[in-house]
Amino acid sequence: MSNDKTLIFNGRPENGQPGLRATSLGIQSDTAFHEASRRLEGRDLCSIGDLAVDEMAAIMELAHTVKAHPEDFRTALDAKQMVLFFEKASLRTRLTFEAGINTTGGNAIFVDQTQSPLGEREPLADVARNLERWMNIIVLRTYAHETITELATYSRIPVINALSDLEHPCQAIADFMTLEERFGSAQGLNVAYVGDGNNVCHSLMLTAAQLGAHIRVASPKGYGPKLDIIHKAIEISESTGGSITLLTDPSKAVAGAHAIYTDVCTSMGSEHEATKRAPVFKPYQVNEALMAQAEADAVFMHCLPAHRNAEVTDTVLDGPQSIVFDQAENRLHAQKAIVLMLLGGAKRLPQSRNRNHHARKSSHG
């Protein structure tokens, strides 16, 4: 892709402005919520692409409800057992999953796999067949996405992707929950992702598509998102009115954006590329000048941990537009909602029934 080429999918290329779906994508009735919940019970969450649009809407609604009314879910997962296998270091993911199930009546057991990857000591199929006899749900943070999908294939209990080299679905759900809190709805929102087309980028693209948002991804040539993720996001967006735009120019990506998102230039497992990547990603740093090109009420987002003054300046990260710690907080509530859904503990409270998500009109008209 050359520096001046922009690819827009499910938009109106003739004027560069994506279309906007007029109808709400949110859950419109108790029946719809319960039907989506029923389908999710016992399922895995390996990828955002595993979800139907109404299932994503139900998870998002439940996440907001759980945050607003945690007392109504304190015994929802009574005596349920969660095991977490992490091949990578973690702060937010581990603690929010553990706190989440502990505050809904269950228990978490953490297994440190940083020194011995899953499947090394014994086949994943054997691991799965043991775990399903003792546990109710498995949470995996791995290098290879295939580790998660293989364990899910062999296990009869739900498996959650807590990060792989392909996706970070729980992060993206919490991120869009945070955007809904700030803007009222993700539908019609313009989100700019600037940086490496990595696992976080992949899940953001898919979630934006599910919720009818318009996401623009600006990455250096050769560092864009994977084609299969692009194709899946386009497929989803065709039914929701969202759009996917791929660019190499960060200024074009953030122009008129309601949210600017970035991540580290070198993900865990690719540290050996740090020296090579640093100069390539330098023009993609989110600083005050780049933020100024977005909407006046635009927010800055990052999944954390951040490399300060690398992909983002201190001024932006600690500034008034930054909502990075709101995102971190919402990991707890989003993951509680996911676990509740997969373990059959979801319910729709009367307070959530009138949660209308009206489409936010783009500032471009």
Protein backbone atom coordinates (compact mmCIF):
# COMPACT_ATOMS: atom_id res chain seq x y z
CA MET A 1 0.00 0.00 0.00
CA SER A 2 1.51 3.35 -0.97
CA ASN A 3 1.54 6.33 1.37
CA ASP A 4 -1.32 8.11 -0.40
CA LYS A 5 -3.62 5.14 -0.87
CA THR A 6 -6.73 4.68 1.26
CA LEU A 7 -8.93 1.61 1.19
CA ILE A 8 -12.48 2.01 2.48
CA PHE A 9 -14.73 -1.00 2.92
CA ASN A 10 -18.53 -0.77 3.22
CA GLY A 11 -18.37 2.99 2.86
CA ARG A 12 -19.06 5.56 0.17
CA PRO A 13 -15.70 5.90 -1.57
CA GLU A 14 -16.95 8.66 -3.83
CA ASN A 15 -16.91 11.19 -0.97
CA GLY A 16 -14.89 9.28 1.58
CA GLN A 17 -17.66 9.35 4.16
CA PRO A 18 -19.01 6.03 5.40
CA GLY A 19 -22.69 5.31 5.47
CA LEU A 20 -24.64 5.28 8.73
CA ARG A 21 -27.24 2.75 9.71
CA ALA A 22 -30.33 4.45 11.08
CA THR A 23 -31.71 1.67 13.27
CA SER A 24 -30.32 0.77 16.67
CA LEU A 25 -28.17 -2.34 16.97
CA GLY A 26 -28.75 -2.78 20.70
CA ILE A 27 -30.86 -5.52 22.31
CA GLN A 28 -34.46 -4.35 21.94
CA SER A 29 -36.37 -6.79 24.16
CA ASP A 30 -36.07 -9.22 27.03
CA THR A 31 -36.74 -12.06 24.61
CA ALA A 32 -33.84 -11.03 22.37
CA PHE A 33 -31.49 -10.73 25.36
CA HIS A 34 -32.44 -14.13 26.74
CA GLU A 35 -32.14 -15.76 23.33
CA ALA A 36 -28.64 -14.37 22.85
CA SER A 37 -27.69 -15.42 26.39
CA ARG A 38 -29.00 -18.93 25.80
CA ARG A 39 -26.84 -19.32 22.69
CA LEU A 40 -23.74 -18.07 24.50
CA GLU A 41 -24.03 -20.41 27.47
CA GLY A 42 -21.35 -23.11 27.29
CA ARG A 43 -19.63 -21.47 24.30
CA ASP A 44 -15.98 -20.47 23.88
CA LEU A 45 -14.71 -16.95 23.21
CA CYS A 46 -11.59 -17.43 21.10
CA SER A 47 -12.30 -14.54 18.74
CA ILE A 48 -14.65 -11.57 18.47
CA GLY A 49 -15.55 -13.10 15.12
CA ASP A 50 -17.14 -16.03 16.99
CA LEU A 51 -19.96 -13.75 18.13
CA ALA A 52 -23.15 -12.84 16.32
CA VAL A 53 -24.09 -9.15 16.33
CA ASP A 54 -26.91 -9.66 18.85
CA GLU A 55 -24.61 -11.70 21.09
CA MET A 56 -22.11 -8.85 21.17
CA ALA A 57 -24.94 -6.42 21.97
CA ALA A 58 -26.10 -8.64 24.84
CA ILE A 59 -22.58 -8.84 26.31
CA MET A 60 -22.19 -5.08 26.08
CA GLU A 61 -25.52 -4.46 27.78
CA LEU A 62 -24.69 -6.94 30.54
CA ALA A 63 -21.29 -5.33 31.09
CA HIS A 64 -22.93 -1.95 31.74
CA THR A 65 -25.53 -3.59 33.99
CA VAL A 66 -22.91 -5.48 36.01
CA LYS A 67 -20.96 -2.28 36.54
CA ALA A 68 -24.03 -0.34 37.63
CA HIS A 69 -25.52 -3.09 39.80
CA PRO A 70 -22.78 -5.49 41.00
CA GLU A 71 -24.87 -6.46 44.01
CA ASP A 72 -27.34 -8.26 41.75
CA PHE A 73 -24.65 -10.70 40.58
CA ARG A 74 -22.78 -11.48 43.82
CA THR A 75 -23.91 -15.11 43.91
CA ALA A 76 -24.54 -15.64 40.19
CA LEU A 77 -21.52 -17.95 39.82
CA ASP A 78 -21.69 -19.60 43.22
CA ALA A 79 -19.00 -22.31 43.57
CA LYS A 80 -17.93 -22.01 39.92
CA GLN A 81 -14.23 -22.69 39.37
CA MET A 82 -12.05 -20.74 36.92
CA VAL A 83 -8.51 -21.71 35.98
CA LEU A 84 -6.15 -19.22 34.36
CA PHE A 85 -3.12 -20.45 32.38
CA PHE A 86 -0.84 -17.56 31.44
CA GLU A 87 2.23 -17.92 29.22
CA LYS A 88 2.74 -14.14 29.29
CA ALA A 89 3.09 -11.63 32.11
CA SER A 90 -0.09 -9.81 33.12
CA LEU A 91 -1.39 -7.12 35.44
CA ARG A 92 -4.85 -6.05 34.26
CA THR A 93 -5.99 -9.31 32.66
CA ARG A 94 -5.13 -11.57 35.56
CA LEU A 95 -6.39 -9.36 38.36
CA THR A 96 -9.64 -8.42 36.65
CA PHE A 97 -10.53 -12.03 35.85
CA GLU A 98 -9.74 -13.11 39.40
CA ALA A 99 -11.61 -10.21 40.98
CA GLY A 100 -14.48 -10.72 38.55
CA ILE A 101 -15.25 -14.30 39.44
CA ASN A 102 -14.49 -13.78 43.12
CA THR A 103 -17.12 -11.02 43.29
CA THR A 104 -19.75 -13.15 41.55
CA GLY A 105 -19.47 -16.07 43.96
CA GLY A 106 -16.85 -18.24 42.23
CA ASN A 107 -13.16 -18.92 42.63
CA ALA A 108 -10.06 -18.48 40.47
CA ILE A 109 -6.93 -20.62 40.34
CA PHE A 110 -3.88 -19.16 38.59
CA VAL A 111 -1.28 -21.35 36.87
CA ASP A 112 1.95 -19.63 35.80
CA GLN A 113 3.03 -21.01 32.41
CA THR A 114 5.67 -18.38 31.64
CA GLN A 115 8.46 -20.91 32.02
CA SER A 116 6.69 -23.89 30.44
CA PRO A 117 4.26 -23.25 27.54
CA LEU A 118 1.03 -25.21 27.49
CA GLY A 119 1.33 -28.44 25.53
CA GLU A 120 5.03 -28.85 26.28
CA ARG A 121 4.66 -31.20 29.24
CA GLU A 122 1.67 -33.12 27.88
CA PRO A 123 -0.63 -32.87 24.86
CA LEU A 124 -3.23 -30.11 24.92
CA ALA A 125 -5.96 -32.70 24.36
CA ASP A 126 -4.98 -34.42 27.61
CA VAL A 127 -4.83 -31.11 29.45
CA ALA A 128 -8.33 -30.24 28.24
CA ARG A 129 -9.78 -33.60 29.28
CA ASN A 130 -8.38 -33.20 32.76
CA LEU A 131 -9.50 -29.62 33.24
CA GLU A 132 -13.09 -30.26 32.19
CA ARG A 133 -13.41 -32.76 35.07
CA TRP A 134 -12.48 -30.18 37.75
CA MET A 135 -13.18 -26.72 36.40
CA ASN A 136 -16.09 -24.77 34.93
CA ILE A 137 -14.19 -22.36 32.69
CA ILE A 138 -10.66 -21.93 31.29
CA VAL A 139 -8.92 -18.60 30.66
CA LEU A 140 -5.81 -18.66 28.47
CA ARG A 141 -3.14 -16.02 27.79
CA THR A 142 -0.80 -17.49 25.22
CA TYR A 143 1.60 -16.77 22.40
CA ALA A 144 0.10 -18.98 19.69
CA HIS A 145 -3.60 -18.51 18.93
CA GLU A 146 -3.67 -22.18 17.95
CA THR A 147 -3.08 -23.11 21.60
CA ILE A 148 -6.42 -21.53 22.47
CA THR A 149 -8.37 -22.98 19.57
CA GLU A 150 -6.92 -26.46 20.11
CA LEU A 151 -7.76 -26.47 23.81
CA ALA A 152 -11.24 -25.24 22.98
CA THR A 153 -11.65 -28.06 20.47
CA TYR A 154 -10.94 -30.72 23.05
CA SER A 155 -12.57 -29.16 26.10
CA ARG A 156 -16.24 -29.49 26.97
CA ILE A 157 -16.14 -26.38 29.14
CA PRO A 158 -15.86 -22.77 27.90
CA VAL A 159 -12.46 -21.39 26.93
CA ILE A 160 -11.74 -17.64 26.91
CA ASN A 161 -8.96 -15.99 24.94
CA ALA A 162 -7.27 -13.62 27.40
CA LEU A 163 -4.74 -12.67 24.70
CA SER A 164 -3.04 -14.51 21.87
CA ASP A 165 -0.80 -13.44 19.00
CA LEU A 166 -3.94 -13.01 16.86
CA GLU A 167 -6.53 -11.36 19.11
CA HIS A 168 -7.30 -9.75 22.46
CA PRO A 169 -11.11 -9.95 22.54
CA CYS A 170 -11.68 -9.09 26.21
CA GLN A 171 -9.67 -5.89 25.81
CA ALA A 172 -11.70 -4.75 22.82
CA ILE A 173 -15.03 -5.40 24.54
CA ALA A 174 -13.92 -3.32 27.53
CA ASP A 175 -12.68 -0.60 25.18
CA PHE A 176 -15.98 -0.25 23.36
CA MET A 177 -17.84 -0.40 26.65
CA THR A 178 -15.76 2.63 27.65
CA LEU A 179 -16.62 4.39 24.40
CA GLU A 180 -20.32 3.72 24.98
CA GLU A 181 -20.02 5.29 28.43
CA ARG A 182 -18.41 8.38 26.95
CA PHE A 183 -20.46 8.82 23.77
CA GLY A 184 -23.72 6.98 24.50
CA SER A 185 -23.30 4.52 21.64
CA ALA A 186 -20.53 3.06 19.52
CA GLN A 187 -22.80 3.00 16.50
CA GLY A 188 -21.66 5.59 13.98
CA LEU A 189 -18.59 6.50 16.04
CA ASN A 190 -15.33 7.26 14.22
CA VAL A 191 -12.44 5.39 15.82
CA ALA A 192 -8.85 5.77 14.65
CA TYR A 193 -6.25 3.12 15.44
CA VAL A 194 -2.68 4.29 14.81
CA GLY A 195 0.22 1.84 14.93
CA ASP A 196 0.97 -1.84 14.60
CA GLY A 197 -1.77 -3.99 13.09
CA ASN A 198 -1.47 -6.45 15.96
CA ASN A 199 -3.77 -8.59 18.10
CA VAL A 200 -5.37 -5.59 19.81
CA CYS A 201 -5.97 -3.94 16.45
CA HIS A 202 -7.58 -7.12 15.13
CA SER A 203 -10.09 -7.35 17.98
CA LEU A 204 -10.85 -3.64 17.78
CA MET A 205 -11.64 -3.95 14.08
CA LEU A 206 -13.98 -6.87 14.65
CA THR A 207 -15.71 -5.23 17.62
CA ALA A 208 -16.15 -1.96 15.74
CA ALA A 209 -17.76 -3.92 12.93
CA GLN A 210 -20.08 -5.73 15.37
CA LEU A 211 -21.24 -2.44 16.89
CA GLY A 212 -21.63 -0.45 13.68
CA ALA A 213 -18.67 1.87 14.29
CA HIS A 214 -16.33 3.26 11.63
CA ILE A 215 -12.72 2.30 12.29
CA ARG A 216 -9.72 3.66 10.43
CA VAL A 217 -6.44 1.80 10.83
CA ALA A 218 -3.20 3.60 9.98
CA SER A 219 -0.12 1.37 9.98
CA PRO A 220 3.28 1.51 8.30
CA LYS A 221 3.55 -0.45 5.09
CA GLY A 222 4.12 -4.10 5.94
CA TYR A 223 2.73 -3.76 9.47
CA GLY A 224 -1.00 -3.69 8.77
CA PRO A 225 -3.65 -6.08 10.09
CA LYS A 226 -3.96 -9.61 8.74
CA LEU A 227 -6.05 -10.16 5.62
CA ASP A 228 -8.35 -12.75 7.17
CA ILE A 229 -9.23 -10.34 9.98
CA ILE A 230 -9.85 -7.56 7.45
CA HIS A 231 -12.16 -9.82 5.45
CA LYS A 232 -14.07 -10.92 8.56
CA ALA A 233 -14.49 -7.33 9.76
CA ILE A 234 -15.80 -6.29 6.33
CA GLU A 235 -18.26 -9.20 6.34
CA ILE A 236 -19.62 -8.19 9.76
CA SER A 237 -19.78 -4.48 8.96
CA GLU A 238 -21.95 -5.15 5.91
CA SER A 239 -24.79 -6.09 8.27
CA THR A 240 -24.29 -3.30 10.82
CA GLY A 241 -23.51 -0.22 8.75
CA GLY A 242 -19.98 0.08 10.09
CA SER A 243 -16.92 0.50 7.92
CA ILE A 244 -13.24 -0.43 7.80
CA THR A 245 -10.69 2.00 6.38
CA LEU A 246 -7.04 1.07 5.90
CA LEU A 247 -4.39 3.77 5.50
CA THR A 248 -0.73 4.45 6.04
CA ASP A 249 -1.14 8.16 6.91
CA PRO A 250 -1.93 8.70 10.63
CA SER A 251 -3.15 12.26 10.01
CA LYS A 252 -5.83 11.02 7.62
CA ALA A 253 -6.87 8.36 10.11
CA VAL A 254 -7.40 10.75 13.01
CA ALA A 255 -9.06 13.59 11.09
CA GLY A 256 -12.50 14.03 12.65
CA ALA A 257 -12.10 10.96 14.89
CA HIS A 258 -13.96 10.63 18.18
CA ALA A 259 -11.34 8.28 19.60
CA ILE A 260 -7.65 7.75 18.87
CA TYR A 261 -6.20 4.42 19.93
CA THR A 262 -2.62 3.19 19.89
CA ASP A 263 -0.60 0.29 21.27
CA VAL A 264 3.06 -0.56 21.69
CA CYS A 265 5.05 -0.84 18.50
CA THR A 266 6.62 -4.12 19.58
CA SER A 267 4.33 -6.71 21.17
CA MET A 268 5.35 -9.37 23.67
CA GLY A 269 7.23 -12.08 21.84
CA SER A 270 8.62 -9.68 19.22
CA GLU A 271 11.09 -7.84 21.44
CA HIS A 272 13.94 -8.82 19.11
CA GLU A 273 12.40 -6.48 16.49
CA ALA A 274 12.32 -3.42 18.76
CA THR A 275 15.40 -1.72 17.27
CA LYS A 276 14.17 -2.30 13.73
CA ARG A 277 10.63 -1.11 14.47
CA ALA A 278 11.45 2.08 16.41
CA PRO A 279 12.26 4.33 13.41
CA VAL A 280 9.44 2.83 11.32
CA PHE A 281 6.81 3.71 13.93
CA LYS A 282 8.19 7.07 15.00
CA PRO A 283 5.85 9.01 12.62
CA TYR A 284 2.91 7.17 14.22
CA GLN A 285 3.46 8.54 17.72
CA VAL A 286 0.28 9.96 19.25
CA ASN A 287 1.19 13.44 20.46
CA GLU A 288 -0.60 16.74 20.98
CA ALA A 289 -0.28 17.67 17.31
CA LEU A 290 -1.95 14.44 16.18
CA MET A 291 -4.68 14.68 18.82
CA ALA A 292 -5.45 18.22 17.65
CA GLN A 293 -6.57 16.85 14.28
CA ALA A 294 -9.37 14.82 15.87
CA GLU A 295 -12.75 16.05 17.10
CA ALA A 296 -12.68 18.55 19.96
CA ASP A 297 -14.21 15.98 22.33
CA ALA A 298 -12.00 13.11 21.12
CA VAL A 299 -10.55 10.70 23.64
CA PHE A 300 -7.21 8.94 23.74
CA MET A 301 -7.08 5.17 24.32
CA HIS A 302 -4.36 2.60 25.01
CA CYS A 303 -4.63 -0.99 26.24
CA LEU A 304 -1.57 -0.57 28.52
CA PRO A 305 1.18 -1.06 29.44
CA ALA A 306 2.40 1.93 27.44
CA HIS A 307 5.94 2.77 26.43
CA ARG A 308 5.87 6.41 27.45
CA ASN A 309 7.20 8.86 24.90
CA ALA A 310 7.47 6.07 22.33
CA GLU A 311 4.04 5.35 20.78
CA VAL A 312 2.44 8.07 22.93
CA THR A 313 3.76 11.12 24.73
CA ASP A 314 3.35 11.66 28.46
CA THR A 315 1.37 14.81 27.69
CA VAL A 316 -1.32 12.80 25.89
CA LEU A 317 -1.27 9.72 28.11
CA ASP A 318 -1.69 11.78 31.28
CA GLY A 319 -3.78 14.51 29.66
CA PRO A 320 -7.47 15.37 30.02
CA GLN A 321 -8.47 13.48 26.87
CA SER A 322 -6.97 10.20 28.08
CA ILE A 323 -9.40 7.50 29.22
CA VAL A 324 -6.83 4.73 29.55
CA PHE A 325 -7.62 4.03 33.20
CA ASP A 326 -11.35 3.96 32.48
CA GLN A 327 -10.53 1.25 29.94
CA ALA A 328 -8.51 -0.62 32.56
CA GLU A 329 -11.35 -0.39 35.07
CA ASN A 330 -13.85 -1.69 32.55
CA ARG A 331 -11.80 -4.81 31.95
CA LEU A 332 -13.29 -6.00 35.24
CA HIS A 333 -16.90 -5.39 34.27
CA ALA A 334 -16.60 -6.57 30.67
CA GLN A 335 -14.95 -9.83 31.71
CA LYS A 336 -17.53 -10.41 34.42
CA ALA A 337 -20.19 -10.09 31.73
CA ILE A 338 -18.37 -12.52 29.43
CA VAL A 339 -17.94 -15.13 32.16
CA LEU A 340 -21.55 -14.71 33.30
CA MET A 341 -22.75 -15.27 29.75
CA LEU A 342 -20.63 -18.36 29.12
CA LEU A 343 -21.49 -19.92 32.49
CA GLY A 344 -25.23 -19.25 32.37
CA GLY A 345 -25.26 -16.53 35.02
CA ALA A 346 -26.54 -13.69 32.83
CA LYS A 347 -29.79 -11.90 33.55
CA ARG A 348 -31.43 -8.72 32.34
CA LEU A 349 -32.37 -6.28 35.07
CA PRO A 350 -35.38 -3.96 34.71
CA GLN A 351 -33.01 -0.96 34.77
CA SER A 352 -31.30 -2.15 31.60
CA ARG A 353 -34.41 -2.63 29.49
CA ASN A 354 -34.62 0.99 28.43
CA ARG A 355 -30.95 1.22 27.46
CA ASN A 356 -31.45 2.71 24.00
CA HIS A 357 -28.39 3.03 21.78
CA HIS A 358 -29.21 5.74 19.27
CA ALA A 359 -26.83 6.06 16.39
CA ARG A 360 -24.35 8.88 16.84
CA LYS A 361 -24.12 10.87 13.65
CA SER A 362 -20.69 11.45 12.24
CA SER A 363 -19.44 15.02 12.49
CA HIS A 364 -19.07 14.84 8.69
CA GLY A 365 -22.81 14.59 8.24
